[in-house]
Amino acid sequence: MNYNDQIKNRVKRIEGQLRGIIKMMEENKDCKEVITQLSASRAAIDRTIGVIVSSNLVECVQEAKIRDGKSMEELVKDAVNLLVKSQ
């Protein structure tokens, strides 16, 4: 699978958010602030999962069909399960 620079940049921003949260914890910041930032990070991860799945769904299905020899019905079911897990 090929991940474009936009998706990689999203993950790098999330990495920066997480580093910031660790710094906040080391500085004993208020728990409300930490939770707010953790929630924002989680939302960013969820959005990134959605972008990856939606933008690469066709490619994922085609690769899986070749690699695993699954039926189209099985592949669609797998894709739906992947989306559900990301929620």
Protein backbone atom coordinates (compact mmCIF):
# COMPACT_ATOMS: atom_id res chain seq x y z
CA MET A 1 0.00 0.00 0.00
CA ASN A 2 1.23 3.44 -0.88
CA TYR A 3 0.60 6.17 1.72
CA ASN A 4 0.74 9.69 0.34
CA ASP A 5 2.50 12.62 2.00
CA GLN A 6 -0.79 14.09 3.23
CA ILE A 7 -1.53 10.99 5.30
CA LYS A 8 2.04 10.81 6.59
CA ASN A 9 1.83 14.47 7.63
CA ARG A 10 -1.38 13.76 9.55
CA VAL A 11 0.40 11.04 11.51
CA LYS A 12 3.38 13.33 12.15
CA ARG A 13 1.02 15.98 13.56
CA ILE A 14 -0.54 13.36 15.82
CA GLU A 15 2.95 12.34 16.94
CA GLY A 16 3.62 15.99 17.82
CA GLN A 17 0.37 16.15 19.77
CA LEU A 18 1.33 13.06 21.75
CA ARG A 19 4.77 14.44 22.53
CA GLY A 20 3.09 17.61 23.74
CA ILE A 21 0.82 15.57 26.00
CA ILE A 22 3.80 13.78 27.52
CA LYS A 23 5.41 17.16 28.17
CA MET A 24 2.20 18.39 29.81
CA MET A 25 2.20 15.34 32.07
CA GLU A 26 5.84 15.86 33.00
CA GLU A 27 4.97 19.46 33.89
CA ASN A 28 2.02 18.23 35.99
CA LYS A 29 -0.52 20.23 34.01
CA ASP A 30 -4.18 20.13 34.98
CA CYS A 31 -5.86 16.82 34.12
CA LYS A 32 -8.62 18.62 32.20
CA GLU A 33 -6.04 20.06 29.80
CA VAL A 34 -4.39 16.66 29.36
CA ILE A 35 -7.71 14.92 28.73
CA THR A 36 -8.68 17.60 26.21
CA GLN A 37 -5.47 17.01 24.28
CA LEU A 38 -5.83 13.22 24.50
CA SER A 39 -9.35 13.50 23.12
CA ALA A 40 -8.12 15.69 20.27
CA SER A 41 -5.40 13.15 19.48
CA ARG A 42 -7.89 10.31 19.48
CA ALA A 43 -10.17 12.24 17.13
CA ALA A 44 -7.24 12.93 14.82
CA ILE A 45 -6.35 9.24 14.78
CA ASP A 46 -9.96 8.31 14.01
CA ARG A 47 -10.07 10.78 11.12
CA THR A 48 -6.78 9.46 9.79
CA ILE A 49 -8.09 5.89 9.87
CA GLY A 50 -11.13 7.04 7.91
CA VAL A 51 -8.99 8.79 5.32
CA ILE A 52 -6.75 5.75 4.88
CA VAL A 53 -9.64 3.32 4.60
CA SER A 54 -11.73 5.47 2.28
CA SER A 55 -8.92 6.58 -0.02
CA ASN A 56 -7.38 3.15 -0.29
CA LEU A 57 -10.42 0.89 -0.09
CA VAL A 58 -10.34 -0.15 -3.73
CA GLU A 59 -6.61 -0.82 -3.62
CA CYS A 60 -6.94 -2.80 -0.39
CA VAL A 61 -9.74 -4.92 -1.82
CA GLN A 62 -7.87 -5.59 -5.06
CA GLU A 63 -4.67 -6.55 -3.23
CA ALA A 64 -6.52 -8.79 -0.80
CA LYS A 65 -8.36 -10.55 -3.63
CA ILE A 66 -5.08 -11.35 -5.37
CA ARG A 67 -3.22 -12.24 -2.17
CA ASP A 68 -5.94 -14.13 -0.29
CA GLY A 69 -8.17 -15.35 -3.12
CA LYS A 70 -11.28 -14.23 -1.23
CA SER A 71 -14.65 -13.61 -2.87
CA MET A 72 -15.82 -10.05 -3.38
CA GLU A 73 -18.48 -10.58 -0.70
CA GLU A 74 -15.81 -11.63 1.83
CA LEU A 75 -13.64 -8.64 0.91
CA VAL A 76 -16.51 -6.19 1.32
CA LYS A 77 -17.37 -7.78 4.68
CA ASP A 78 -13.71 -7.43 5.75
CA ALA A 79 -13.69 -3.78 4.67
CA VAL A 80 -16.86 -3.04 6.62
CA ASN A 81 -15.41 -4.77 9.69
CA LEU A 82 -12.28 -2.65 9.35
CA LEU A 83 -14.38 0.51 9.31
CA VAL A 84 -16.40 -0.64 12.31
CA LYS A 85 -13.24 -1.42 14.31
CA SER A 86 -11.97 2.08 13.63
CA GLN A 87 -15.03 3.66 15.25
